[in-house]
């Protein structure tokens, strides 16, 4: 065995190139053991099984793990054509599973202006540069601005964009995805004037004279965004492949796409057919408006699609949208915003509308996942889920609430009782900490981003990033979950540190708990015999390094089904 081993030393990648090699047919028995295509030895392997076991060796055959354990017993799986890789004590963890991203948007963001958390003046300079490269009338798009990080913390205005791009309609989406900053040309194309009323579930931000300032919240965006020319199929294919590259380079082998339309799903299928897409996606059908959309109608007739393309693609859930976001003050609260008297945010649905959508999903055996950030929206979703499940019981439904940021003690107890799973994004807490208490006050904040209370009550949390709302790096999320600090180490000691997760819980949230959230825990989420060979090699021991180092972990190699898909 020692002579056969490929040493994984300084040049780690040369060793990993063997993973994707075809080894040909092998004898199937060595004693009672099947011979492996590849065996890994001398690793620090965290299996994330029920006991959170740590082992040193793994054996792979036909894209699955056939042995997980110690170096000595792994020798029984080595035949004359088995590739043996010496991990040289490098750390291995299961492939990470982002429980809530926007897959195609993650890719299209790379085709647009990157305004992520940038100063306002820098964003304006990028818009001006783009305007100089485009013809008059062409749209300028971008995403990521966050006024809470600017010195005056006020919403931007159309006049600022008019100065740098007067002849092009400009639409820049806020970091949370719930507001857009537009110029006068875009408002004109959207038909928005002083007399335009606020739509249900949205708000046109106005000045003292009632004029639109250039910020449109939630449903108010649609009159402008509906005028934006759609991306071609070629550009959407490019975006999805860019998104996959981003996921693999960050160690994400699986993800839940929180809302895709029929065109995006069909493009995914074509890319899977060509074997260009390899990432494992649990795709939620997008139905974020109050009406029954075309994509949901299509799948209500068709039914769920599970485990397509060798367990790469599943379409078995529907994504609903109950409210907006806290930063835009469009999250629906039970009581007024602490920093805006008389305002409780925006509900997207009436009680009757959300009941109808959830009921239809239940009748056709779709899992339900609903965006709800405010405690008001969370109450509406909990009440609706309970009503529908009483009418048509389903013991193991695993219905989800996406974000579940602001709740109360009764709601936390209720989701445990109902078996509703909260899907939460740890970096939201560290991004929102500068404004969240202003919005909510000293009492409500105690039950916001409250991971410890939720886990101690008996829930499991699906971990995710909400990318491109946040950076996709899952180690930022694990760090935020454990430290309750942003990447600059603020606030020292953590923001409400009593709500932190342990390292084991944080890793489970991004692996096995996320797999459970999509009914896939028997396939992935831990490194156990019979499961898919999805795993990472990372440059530091995630369970032993200093807390502040968690955010800086780098991926050395990403493996999906035994195939190397990324190498650093």
Protein backbone atom coordinates (compact mmCIF):
# COMPACT_ATOMS: atom_id res chain seq x y z
CA UNK A 1 0.00 0.00 0.00
CA UNK A 2 2.79 2.45 0.87
CA UNK A 3 4.33 2.12 -2.59
CA UNK A 4 0.94 2.62 -4.20
CA UNK A 5 0.13 5.77 -2.27
CA UNK A 6 0.12 9.16 -3.97
CA UNK A 7 1.41 11.65 -1.43
CA UNK A 8 -0.73 14.70 -0.92
CA UNK A 9 2.03 17.06 0.12
CA UNK A 10 2.77 20.55 -1.07
CA UNK A 11 1.44 19.85 -4.56
CA UNK A 12 -2.00 18.73 -3.40
CA UNK A 13 -3.69 19.09 -6.77
CA UNK A 14 -1.59 16.60 -8.64
CA UNK A 15 -2.86 13.98 -6.24
CA UNK A 16 -6.47 14.97 -6.75
CA UNK A 17 -6.32 14.66 -10.51
CA UNK A 18 -6.72 10.90 -10.13
CA UNK A 19 -10.19 11.22 -8.66
CA UNK A 20 -11.93 11.62 -11.96
CA UNK A 21 -9.99 8.83 -13.71
CA UNK A 22 -11.76 5.74 -15.03
CA UNK A 23 -10.25 2.65 -13.43
CA UNK A 24 -11.97 0.07 -15.58
CA UNK A 25 -13.64 -3.07 -14.27
CA UNK A 26 -12.33 -4.55 -11.05
CA UNK A 27 -12.78 -7.75 -9.18
CA UNK A 28 -15.69 -7.12 -6.87
CA UNK A 29 -14.63 -9.10 -3.88
CA UNK A 30 -11.62 -9.04 -1.57
CA UNK A 31 -12.83 -11.25 1.21
CA UNK A 32 -16.32 -9.86 1.73
CA UNK A 33 -15.36 -6.37 0.61
CA UNK A 34 -15.93 -4.64 -2.71
CA UNK A 35 -12.79 -3.16 -4.26
CA UNK A 36 -12.74 0.61 -4.49
CA UNK A 37 -12.04 2.97 -7.35
CA UNK A 38 -10.27 5.33 -4.94
CA UNK A 39 -9.16 5.09 -1.32
CA UNK A 40 -8.19 8.06 0.83
CA UNK A 41 -5.98 7.47 3.85
CA UNK A 42 -4.27 9.44 6.62
CA UNK A 43 -6.90 12.18 6.72
CA UNK A 44 -8.56 14.18 9.47
CA UNK A 45 -12.08 13.36 8.32
CA UNK A 46 -15.13 14.77 10.10
CA UNK A 47 -18.00 12.56 8.99
CA UNK A 48 -20.81 14.67 10.55
CA UNK A 49 -22.66 11.44 11.25
CA UNK A 50 -24.96 11.12 14.25
CA UNK A 51 -21.98 10.83 16.61
CA UNK A 52 -19.90 13.43 14.77
CA UNK A 53 -17.24 10.76 14.30
CA UNK A 54 -13.69 11.54 13.19
CA UNK A 55 -11.99 8.95 10.97
CA UNK A 56 -8.86 8.66 8.84
CA UNK A 57 -9.90 6.80 5.66
CA UNK A 58 -12.61 6.53 3.02
CA UNK A 59 -13.18 4.24 0.03
CA UNK A 60 -15.20 5.21 -3.07
CA UNK A 61 -16.78 3.15 -5.81
CA UNK A 62 -19.26 4.26 -8.46
CA UNK A 63 -19.66 7.75 -6.99
CA UNK A 64 -20.54 6.49 -3.51
CA UNK A 65 -18.74 5.77 -0.27
CA UNK A 66 -18.32 2.06 0.36
CA UNK A 67 -16.18 2.40 3.48
CA UNK A 68 -15.54 5.09 6.09
CA UNK A 69 -13.22 4.29 8.97
CA UNK A 70 -9.58 3.62 9.79
CA UNK A 71 -6.49 3.24 7.63
CA UNK A 72 -5.91 -0.43 8.40
CA UNK A 73 -9.38 -1.64 7.45
CA UNK A 74 -9.34 0.58 4.36
CA UNK A 75 -6.58 -1.66 2.96
CA UNK A 76 -9.20 -4.37 2.39
CA UNK A 77 -10.77 -2.19 -0.33
CA UNK A 78 -7.56 -1.73 -2.31
CA UNK A 79 -7.08 -3.76 -5.48
CA UNK A 80 -4.49 -3.63 -8.24
CA UNK A 81 -6.26 -0.75 -10.00
CA UNK A 82 -7.40 1.22 -6.95
CA UNK A 83 -6.00 4.74 -6.70
CA UNK A 84 -4.74 5.43 -3.18
CA UNK A 85 -4.41 9.01 -2.00
CA UNK A 86 -2.49 9.98 1.12
CA UNK A 87 -4.26 13.02 2.63
CA UNK A 88 -1.25 13.72 4.87
CA UNK A 89 -3.53 14.72 7.77
CA UNK A 90 -5.42 17.31 5.71
CA UNK A 91 -8.96 18.01 6.95
CA UNK A 92 -11.94 16.60 5.07
CA UNK A 93 -15.59 17.54 5.65
CA UNK A 94 -18.80 16.66 3.78
CA UNK A 95 -19.65 18.78 0.77
CA UNK A 96 -21.30 21.93 2.03
CA UNK A 97 -24.97 22.50 1.29
CA UNK A 98 -26.22 26.08 0.99
CA UNK A 99 -29.84 25.84 2.07
CA UNK A 100 -30.92 29.11 0.48
CA UNK A 101 -29.36 30.78 -2.55
CA UNK A 102 -30.65 32.37 -5.74
CA UNK A 103 -28.72 30.29 -8.24
CA UNK A 104 -29.32 32.10 -11.51
CA UNK A 105 -29.19 35.52 -9.83
CA UNK A 106 -25.82 34.59 -8.35
CA UNK A 107 -24.64 34.17 -11.94
CA UNK A 108 -26.36 37.19 -13.48
CA UNK A 109 -24.88 39.36 -10.74
CA UNK A 110 -21.52 38.57 -12.29
CA UNK A 111 -22.83 40.04 -15.56
CA UNK A 112 -23.93 43.34 -13.94
CA UNK A 113 -22.49 46.23 -11.90
CA UNK A 114 -21.20 44.91 -8.59
CA UNK A 115 -22.38 47.42 -5.99
CA UNK A 116 -22.05 45.03 -3.06
CA UNK A 117 -21.63 47.12 0.10
CA UNK A 118 -19.68 49.77 -1.84
CA UNK A 119 -19.63 53.51 -1.00
CA UNK A 120 -22.25 55.51 -2.87
CA UNK A 121 -19.71 57.55 -4.83
CA UNK A 122 -17.97 54.42 -6.06
CA UNK A 123 -21.31 53.02 -7.27
CA UNK A 124 -22.07 56.26 -9.11
CA UNK A 125 -18.68 56.12 -10.80
CA UNK A 126 -19.38 52.56 -11.96
CA UNK A 127 -22.76 53.65 -13.36
CA UNK A 128 -21.12 56.57 -15.17
CA UNK A 129 -18.48 54.28 -16.66
CA UNK A 130 -21.17 51.86 -17.85
CA UNK A 131 -23.22 54.70 -19.37
CA UNK A 132 -20.23 55.81 -21.43
CA UNK A 133 -19.96 52.31 -22.91
CA UNK A 134 -23.65 51.99 -23.84
CA UNK A 135 -25.94 53.61 -26.36
CA UNK A 136 -28.63 56.00 -25.18
CA UNK A 137 -31.66 54.08 -23.91
CA UNK A 138 -29.82 50.86 -23.00
CA UNK A 139 -30.49 49.61 -19.49
CA UNK A 140 -27.86 49.76 -16.75
CA UNK A 141 -28.33 47.08 -14.10
CA UNK A 142 -26.54 46.31 -10.86
CA UNK A 143 -26.97 44.95 -7.37
CA UNK A 144 -25.70 45.24 -3.83
CA UNK A 145 -26.04 48.83 -2.51
CA UNK A 146 -26.64 49.20 1.21
CA UNK A 147 -27.48 52.68 2.48
CA UNK A 148 -27.00 51.55 6.07
CA UNK A 149 -23.25 51.50 5.43
CA UNK A 150 -23.14 55.06 4.08
CA UNK A 151 -22.33 58.02 6.36
CA UNK A 152 -25.86 59.53 6.35
CA UNK A 153 -27.69 56.13 6.21
CA UNK A 154 -30.42 57.67 4.06
CA UNK A 155 -31.97 56.22 0.91
CA UNK A 156 -30.31 57.37 -2.33
CA UNK A 157 -32.14 59.51 -4.88
CA UNK A 158 -32.91 59.51 -8.58
CA UNK A 159 -31.12 62.83 -9.01
CA UNK A 160 -27.80 61.24 -8.06
CA UNK A 161 -28.20 58.68 -10.84
CA UNK A 162 -29.49 61.32 -13.27
CA UNK A 163 -26.22 63.20 -12.95
CA UNK A 164 -24.11 60.21 -14.07
CA UNK A 165 -26.52 58.48 -16.49
CA UNK A 166 -29.25 60.85 -17.71
CA UNK A 167 -29.96 59.02 -20.98
CA UNK A 168 -30.03 55.40 -19.77
CA UNK A 169 -32.62 53.80 -17.51
CA UNK A 170 -30.79 52.64 -14.37
CA UNK A 171 -32.00 49.95 -11.95
CA UNK A 172 -29.76 49.05 -9.02
CA UNK A 173 -31.13 46.42 -6.63
CA UNK A 174 -30.50 46.84 -2.91
CA UNK A 175 -28.40 44.20 -1.18
CA UNK A 176 -31.51 42.52 0.30
CA UNK A 177 -33.21 42.24 -3.09
CA UNK A 178 -36.34 44.05 -1.89
CA UNK A 179 -35.73 47.61 -3.08
CA UNK A 180 -34.40 49.19 -6.24
CA UNK A 181 -32.70 52.55 -6.75
CA UNK A 182 -33.67 54.00 -10.12
CA UNK A 183 -33.18 57.20 -12.08
CA UNK A 184 -35.76 59.50 -13.66
CA UNK A 185 -35.50 57.70 -17.00
CA UNK A 186 -36.45 54.39 -15.37
CA UNK A 187 -39.34 56.00 -13.46
CA UNK A 188 -40.58 57.48 -16.72
CA UNK A 189 -40.41 54.11 -18.48
CA UNK A 190 -42.29 52.54 -15.59
CA UNK A 191 -45.01 55.20 -15.74
CA UNK A 192 -44.45 56.27 -12.12
CA UNK A 193 -45.56 59.83 -11.36
CA UNK A 194 -46.56 61.81 -8.30
CA UNK A 195 -50.09 60.47 -8.71
CA UNK A 196 -49.14 56.77 -8.89
CA UNK A 197 -50.55 54.99 -5.80
CA UNK A 198 -48.58 52.48 -3.78
CA UNK A 199 -49.39 48.95 -4.93
CA UNK A 200 -50.45 46.30 -2.45
CA UNK A 201 -47.33 44.86 -0.88
CA UNK A 202 -45.04 47.70 -1.97
CA UNK A 203 -44.10 51.34 -1.46
CA UNK A 204 -42.88 54.20 -3.62
CA UNK A 205 -40.55 56.20 -1.38
CA UNK A 206 -41.52 59.88 -1.72
CA UNK A 207 -40.21 63.27 -0.70
CA UNK A 208 -42.17 65.87 1.26
CA UNK A 209 -43.92 66.98 -1.91
CA UNK A 210 -45.09 63.46 -2.73
CA UNK A 211 -42.66 63.01 -5.61
CA UNK A 212 -40.98 59.63 -6.12
CA UNK A 213 -37.41 59.83 -4.82
CA UNK A 214 -36.08 56.93 -6.88
CA UNK A 215 -36.39 54.06 -4.38
CA UNK A 216 -39.10 51.48 -5.00
CA UNK A 217 -39.83 48.79 -2.40
CA UNK A 218 -41.11 45.26 -3.07
CA UNK A 219 -44.22 45.25 -5.31
CA UNK A 220 -43.58 48.87 -6.32
CA UNK A 221 -40.54 47.70 -8.27
CA UNK A 222 -42.54 45.76 -10.82
CA UNK A 223 -43.74 48.66 -12.94
CA UNK A 224 -40.09 49.42 -13.74
CA UNK A 225 -38.47 45.98 -13.61
CA UNK A 226 -41.13 44.56 -15.94
CA UNK A 227 -39.74 46.85 -18.64
CA UNK A 228 -36.20 45.46 -18.41
CA UNK A 229 -35.41 43.30 -21.45
CA UNK A 230 -34.97 39.67 -20.36
CA UNK A 231 -31.63 37.91 -20.63
CA UNK A 232 -31.27 35.58 -23.59
CA UNK A 233 -31.07 31.83 -23.04
CA UNK A 234 -27.38 32.00 -23.89
CA UNK A 235 -26.72 34.62 -21.22
CA UNK A 236 -28.75 32.70 -18.63
CA UNK A 237 -26.79 29.53 -19.45
CA UNK A 238 -23.59 31.51 -19.00
CA UNK A 239 -24.89 32.87 -15.69
CA UNK A 240 -25.74 29.40 -14.36
CA UNK A 241 -22.31 28.05 -15.25
CA UNK A 242 -20.68 31.05 -13.56
CA UNK A 243 -22.82 30.38 -10.49
CA UNK A 244 -21.68 26.75 -10.45
CA UNK A 245 -18.02 27.81 -10.62
CA UNK A 246 -18.60 30.12 -7.67
CA UNK A 247 -20.26 27.38 -5.61
CA UNK A 248 -17.56 24.80 -6.27
CA UNK A 249 -14.74 27.23 -5.48
CA UNK A 250 -16.41 27.85 -2.13
CA UNK A 251 -16.86 24.17 -1.33
CA UNK A 252 -20.60 24.05 -2.00
CA UNK A 253 -21.59 20.77 -3.64
CA UNK A 254 -25.35 21.14 -3.07
CA UNK A 255 -27.73 24.08 -2.79
CA UNK A 256 -31.40 24.95 -2.55
CA UNK A 257 -32.33 27.47 -5.23
CA UNK A 258 -34.92 29.64 -3.52
CA UNK A 259 -37.15 30.36 -6.47
CA UNK A 260 -36.64 29.56 -10.16
CA UNK A 261 -38.99 30.08 -13.08
CA UNK A 262 -39.71 27.60 -15.87
CA UNK A 263 -37.19 29.13 -18.27
CA UNK A 264 -34.40 28.89 -15.69
CA UNK A 265 -35.34 25.29 -14.85
CA UNK A 266 -35.40 24.26 -18.51
CA UNK A 267 -31.95 25.81 -19.05
CA UNK A 268 -30.68 23.84 -16.05
CA UNK A 269 -32.03 20.63 -17.55
CA UNK A 270 -30.26 21.27 -20.84
CA UNK A 271 -26.99 21.94 -19.03
CA UNK A 272 -27.39 18.76 -16.99
CA UNK A 273 -28.06 16.76 -20.17
CA UNK A 274 -24.75 18.01 -21.56
CA UNK A 275 -23.04 17.21 -18.23
CA UNK A 276 -22.04 20.87 -17.94
CA UNK A 277 -23.92 21.26 -14.67
CA UNK A 278 -22.71 18.92 -11.94
CA UNK A 279 -23.75 20.75 -8.78
CA UNK A 280 -26.68 19.22 -6.90
CA UNK A 281 -29.67 21.57 -6.85
CA UNK A 282 -32.92 21.41 -4.91
CA UNK A 283 -34.95 23.90 -6.92
CA UNK A 284 -37.96 25.68 -5.46
CA UNK A 285 -40.65 26.71 -7.93
CA UNK A 286 -40.91 30.50 -7.86
CA UNK A 287 -44.35 31.80 -6.92
CA UNK A 288 -43.50 34.95 -5.01
CA UNK A 289 -46.44 36.99 -6.29
CA UNK A 290 -49.91 36.75 -4.77
CA UNK A 291 -51.34 35.06 -7.85
CA UNK A 292 -50.80 31.54 -9.16
CA UNK A 293 -47.86 31.89 -11.56
CA UNK A 294 -47.21 30.05 -14.81
CA UNK A 295 -44.31 28.01 -13.41
CA UNK A 296 -46.38 26.80 -10.45
CA UNK A 297 -49.33 26.02 -12.74
CA UNK A 298 -47.02 23.95 -14.93
CA UNK A 299 -45.74 21.91 -12.01
CA UNK A 300 -49.15 21.51 -10.39
CA UNK A 301 -50.08 19.61 -13.56
CA UNK A 302 -46.75 17.80 -13.82
CA UNK A 303 -46.01 17.01 -10.18
CA UNK A 304 -42.65 16.94 -8.37
CA UNK A 305 -39.47 15.78 -10.14
CA UNK A 306 -37.09 14.03 -7.76
CA UNK A 307 -33.46 12.98 -8.23
CA UNK A 308 -33.06 13.77 -11.92
CA UNK A 309 -29.68 13.39 -13.65
CA UNK A 310 -28.23 10.96 -11.14
CA UNK A 311 -29.46 12.86 -8.07
CA UNK A 312 -28.31 16.24 -9.39
CA UNK A 313 -31.67 18.01 -9.76
CA UNK A 314 -34.84 17.90 -7.67
CA UNK A 315 -37.90 20.10 -8.16
CA UNK A 316 -40.19 19.24 -5.28
CA UNK A 317 -40.97 22.47 -3.46
CA UNK A 318 -42.60 25.83 -4.05
CA UNK A 319 -41.22 29.17 -2.86
CA UNK A 320 -43.74 31.71 -1.56
CA UNK A 321 -43.08 35.26 -0.33
CA UNK A 322 -44.94 36.60 2.70
CA UNK A 323 -43.19 39.95 3.25
CA UNK A 324 -40.18 42.11 2.42
CA UNK A 325 -36.95 42.79 4.30
CA UNK A 326 -35.93 44.57 7.48
CA UNK A 327 -33.44 46.93 5.85
CA UNK A 328 -36.14 48.28 3.54
CA UNK A 329 -38.66 48.39 6.41
CA UNK A 330 -40.86 46.08 4.36
CA UNK A 331 -40.65 43.07 6.69
CA UNK A 332 -44.16 42.67 8.15
CA UNK A 333 -44.19 43.25 11.92
CA UNK A 334 -46.93 42.69 14.49
CA UNK A 335 -46.22 46.14 15.96
CA UNK A 336 -44.84 49.36 14.55
CA UNK A 337 -41.23 49.78 13.54
CA UNK A 338 -39.34 51.35 16.41
CA UNK A 339 -37.79 53.86 14.01
CA UNK A 340 -40.92 54.60 11.95
CA UNK A 341 -44.09 55.17 13.92
CA UNK A 342 -47.30 54.00 12.27
CA UNK A 343 -45.52 51.65 9.89
CA UNK A 344 -45.62 47.84 10.20
CA UNK A 345 -44.11 46.83 6.85
CA UNK A 346 -45.69 45.04 3.90
CA UNK A 347 -47.61 41.77 3.65
CA UNK A 348 -47.40 40.31 0.16
CA UNK A 349 -50.50 38.11 0.58
CA UNK A 350 -53.88 38.39 2.17
CA UNK A 351 -54.66 35.47 4.50
CA UNK A 352 -56.92 34.03 1.82
CA UNK A 353 -54.26 34.28 -0.90
CA UNK A 354 -51.53 32.51 1.05
CA UNK A 355 -53.99 29.82 2.17
CA UNK A 356 -54.95 29.13 -1.46
CA UNK A 357 -51.32 28.78 -2.55
CA UNK A 358 -50.30 26.54 0.36
CA UNK A 359 -53.42 24.41 -0.10
CA UNK A 360 -52.66 23.83 -3.79
CA UNK A 361 -49.09 22.85 -2.97
CA UNK A 362 -50.30 20.36 -0.35
CA UNK A 363 -52.84 18.82 -2.73
CA UNK A 364 -50.10 18.07 -5.27
CA UNK A 365 -47.52 16.87 -2.69
CA UNK A 366 -45.15 19.82 -2.97
CA UNK A 367 -43.05 20.90 -0.03
CA UNK A 368 -43.76 24.53 0.92
CA UNK A 369 -41.04 27.09 1.66
CA UNK A 370 -42.15 30.63 2.46
CA UNK A 371 -40.03 33.75 2.85
CA UNK A 372 -41.01 35.42 6.13
CA UNK A 373 -38.76 37.85 7.98
CA UNK A 374 -41.01 39.88 10.28
CA UNK A 375 -42.90 38.40 13.22
CA UNK A 376 -46.16 39.42 11.54
CA UNK A 377 -45.33 37.49 8.37
CA UNK A 378 -44.07 34.55 10.42
CA UNK A 379 -47.36 34.45 12.30
CA UNK A 380 -49.32 34.49 9.06
CA UNK A 381 -47.25 31.62 7.66
CA UNK A 382 -47.45 29.55 10.85
CA UNK A 383 -51.23 30.01 11.04
CA UNK A 384 -51.63 29.06 7.37
CA UNK A 385 -49.42 25.99 7.62
CA UNK A 386 -51.29 24.81 10.70
CA UNK A 387 -54.68 25.31 9.04
CA UNK A 388 -53.77 23.42 5.86
CA UNK A 389 -52.05 20.59 7.74
CA UNK A 390 -55.08 20.14 9.97
CA UNK A 391 -57.26 19.83 6.86
CA UNK A 392 -54.86 17.47 5.09
CA UNK A 393 -52.43 15.98 7.63
CA UNK A 394 -48.92 15.04 6.54
CA UNK A 395 -46.68 13.73 9.29
CA UNK A 396 -43.32 14.33 7.63
CA UNK A 397 -43.96 17.47 5.60
CA UNK A 398 -40.78 19.44 6.44
CA UNK A 399 -42.39 22.68 5.39
CA UNK A 400 -39.97 25.54 5.75
CA UNK A 401 -39.86 29.19 6.67
CA UNK A 402 -37.10 30.95 4.78
CA UNK A 403 -35.16 33.49 6.89
CA UNK A 404 -37.38 33.39 10.01
CA UNK A 405 -35.46 36.37 11.37
CA UNK A 406 -37.89 37.99 13.81
CA UNK A 407 -40.10 35.85 15.99
CA UNK A 408 -41.27 35.48 19.58
CA UNK A 409 -41.32 32.73 22.20
CA UNK A 410 -44.75 31.42 21.18
CA UNK A 411 -43.77 31.21 17.52
CA UNK A 412 -40.60 29.30 18.31
CA UNK A 413 -42.58 26.75 20.32
CA UNK A 414 -45.18 26.51 17.57
CA UNK A 415 -42.80 25.70 14.73
CA UNK A 416 -41.35 22.88 16.82
CA UNK A 417 -44.85 21.56 17.50
CA UNK A 418 -45.78 21.73 13.80
CA UNK A 419 -42.48 20.34 12.52
CA UNK A 420 -41.77 23.48 10.51
CA UNK A 421 -38.06 23.95 9.75
CA UNK A 422 -36.46 27.41 9.89
CA UNK A 423 -34.04 28.09 7.06
CA UNK A 424 -31.73 30.85 8.30
CA UNK A 425 -28.66 32.66 7.03
CA UNK A 426 -26.12 33.44 9.78
CA UNK A 427 -24.45 36.31 7.93
CA UNK A 428 -27.75 38.19 7.89
CA UNK A 429 -27.36 38.74 11.62
CA UNK A 430 -23.87 40.17 11.33
CA UNK A 431 -24.87 42.31 8.33
CA UNK A 432 -28.09 43.57 9.96
CA UNK A 433 -26.73 44.21 13.45
CA UNK A 434 -26.09 47.91 12.77
CA UNK A 435 -29.75 48.63 12.02
CA UNK A 436 -31.78 45.72 13.40
CA UNK A 437 -32.16 47.03 16.94
CA UNK A 438 -33.11 50.48 15.62
CA UNK A 439 -35.88 48.84 13.61
CA UNK A 440 -37.09 46.52 16.37
CA UNK A 441 -36.20 47.97 19.77
CA UNK A 442 -34.63 46.33 22.80
CA UNK A 443 -37.32 43.70 23.45
CA UNK A 444 -38.05 42.32 19.99
CA UNK A 445 -34.36 42.03 19.19
CA UNK A 446 -34.05 39.30 21.85
CA UNK A 447 -36.06 36.94 19.62
CA UNK A 448 -34.42 37.97 16.36
CA UNK A 449 -31.72 35.87 14.68
CA UNK A 450 -32.18 33.73 17.80
CA UNK A 451 -30.42 30.52 16.78
CA UNK A 452 -29.74 29.29 20.31
CA UNK A 453 -33.35 29.69 21.43
CA UNK A 454 -34.55 27.91 18.29
CA UNK A 455 -32.16 24.95 18.60
CA UNK A 456 -32.72 24.60 22.34
CA UNK A 457 -36.48 24.49 21.70
CA UNK A 458 -35.95 21.41 19.53
CA UNK A 459 -35.57 22.76 15.99
CA UNK A 460 -32.81 22.16 13.50
CA UNK A 461 -31.70 25.09 11.39
CA UNK A 462 -31.01 24.91 7.66
CA UNK A 463 -27.91 27.03 7.07
CA UNK A 464 -27.44 29.18 3.98
CA UNK A 465 -26.15 32.43 2.56
CA UNK A 466 -29.03 33.97 0.55
CA UNK A 467 -26.41 34.77 -2.11
CA UNK A 468 -26.22 37.09 -3.96
CA UNK A 469 -27.83 39.06 -1.10
CA UNK A 470 -24.77 38.06 0.95
CA UNK A 471 -21.42 36.69 -0.13
CA UNK A 472 -21.76 32.99 -0.84
CA UNK A 473 -18.70 31.83 1.16
CA UNK A 474 -20.09 29.23 3.62
CA UNK A 475 -17.18 29.65 6.01
CA UNK A 476 -18.32 33.24 6.54
CA UNK A 477 -21.67 31.75 7.55
CA UNK A 478 -20.14 29.17 9.87
CA UNK A 479 -17.99 31.89 11.46
CA UNK A 480 -20.99 34.20 11.91
CA UNK A 481 -23.02 31.35 13.45
CA UNK A 482 -20.31 30.59 15.99
CA UNK A 483 -18.82 34.03 16.71
CA UNK A 484 -21.83 36.35 16.12
CA UNK A 485 -19.28 38.84 14.75
CA UNK A 486 -18.75 40.33 11.30
CA UNK A 487 -15.59 39.62 9.34
CA UNK A 488 -13.89 42.64 10.91
CA UNK A 489 -14.39 41.11 14.36
CA UNK A 490 -17.20 43.44 15.41
CA UNK A 491 -18.64 43.72 17.91
CA UNK A 492 -15.88 42.23 20.08
CA UNK A 493 -17.24 39.21 21.90
CA UNK A 494 -20.18 38.91 19.54
CA UNK A 495 -23.60 40.49 18.94
CA UNK A 496 -25.97 38.90 21.47
CA UNK A 497 -23.43 36.05 21.81
CA UNK A 498 -25.83 33.98 23.90
CA UNK A 499 -27.57 33.09 20.60
CA UNK A 500 -24.46 31.52 19.01
CA UNK A 501 -24.30 27.99 17.63
CA UNK A 502 -21.56 25.54 18.53
CA UNK A 503 -19.11 24.60 15.78
CA UNK A 504 -20.71 21.19 15.45
CA UNK A 505 -24.18 22.74 15.08
CA UNK A 506 -22.93 25.26 12.51
CA UNK A 507 -21.30 22.54 10.41
CA UNK A 508 -24.43 20.39 10.67
CA UNK A 509 -26.55 23.38 9.55
CA UNK A 510 -24.55 23.56 6.32
CA UNK A 511 -24.46 19.80 5.74
CA UNK A 512 -26.81 17.19 7.21
CA UNK A 513 -29.47 19.61 8.48
CA UNK A 514 -29.63 21.28 5.07
CA UNK A 515 -29.94 17.83 3.47
CA UNK A 516 -32.80 16.99 5.83
CA UNK A 517 -34.48 20.21 4.71
CA UNK A 518 -34.77 18.79 1.20
CA UNK A 519 -35.50 15.12 2.16
CA UNK A 520 -32.01 14.10 1.03
CA UNK A 521 -30.29 13.05 4.24
CA UNK A 522 -30.09 9.43 3.08
CA UNK A 523 -28.07 10.56 0.05
CA UNK A 524 -25.74 13.24 1.39
CA UNK A 525 -24.93 15.60 4.23
CA UNK A 526 -22.53 13.26 6.02
CA UNK A 527 -19.71 10.93 5.06
CA UNK A 528 -21.18 7.47 5.68
CA UNK A 529 -21.21 4.20 3.82
CA UNK A 530 -23.76 4.21 1.02
CA UNK A 531 -23.91 8.00 0.65
CA UNK A 532 -22.68 10.07 -2.26
CA UNK A 533 -18.96 10.82 -2.29
CA UNK A 534 -19.37 14.59 -1.97
CA UNK A 535 -16.67 16.18 0.18
CA UNK A 536 -14.05 18.91 0.56
CA UNK A 537 -10.43 19.06 1.48
CA UNK A 538 -9.74 22.28 3.39
CA UNK A 539 -6.57 23.96 4.55
CA UNK A 540 -7.33 24.14 8.29
CA UNK A 541 -8.91 21.91 10.92
CA UNK A 542 -12.36 23.44 11.28
CA UNK A 543 -12.87 22.00 14.77
CA UNK A 544 -9.48 22.94 16.20
CA UNK A 545 -8.43 26.34 14.83
CA UNK A 546 -9.06 29.61 16.64
CA UNK A 547 -12.59 30.96 16.24
CA UNK A 548 -11.47 34.02 14.27
CA UNK A 549 -9.77 31.74 11.72
CA UNK A 550 -13.03 30.03 10.69
CA UNK A 551 -13.88 32.78 8.21
CA UNK A 552 -10.50 32.36 6.48
CA UNK A 553 -10.69 28.64 5.71
CA UNK A 554 -9.80 27.91 2.08
CA UNK A 555 -10.99 25.05 -0.08
CA UNK A 556 -8.16 22.96 -1.53
CA UNK A 557 -10.40 20.59 -3.46
CA UNK A 558 -14.11 20.03 -4.03
CA UNK A 559 -15.33 16.54 -4.94
CA UNK A 560 -18.81 15.64 -6.23
CA UNK A 561 -19.66 11.99 -6.64
CA UNK A 562 -15.98 11.08 -6.47
CA UNK A 563 -15.07 13.55 -9.24
CA UNK A 564 -12.80 16.53 -8.66
CA UNK A 565 -14.78 19.61 -9.74
CA UNK A 566 -12.57 22.31 -8.23
CA UNK A 567 -8.94 22.48 -7.22
CA UNK A 568 -7.02 25.34 -5.69
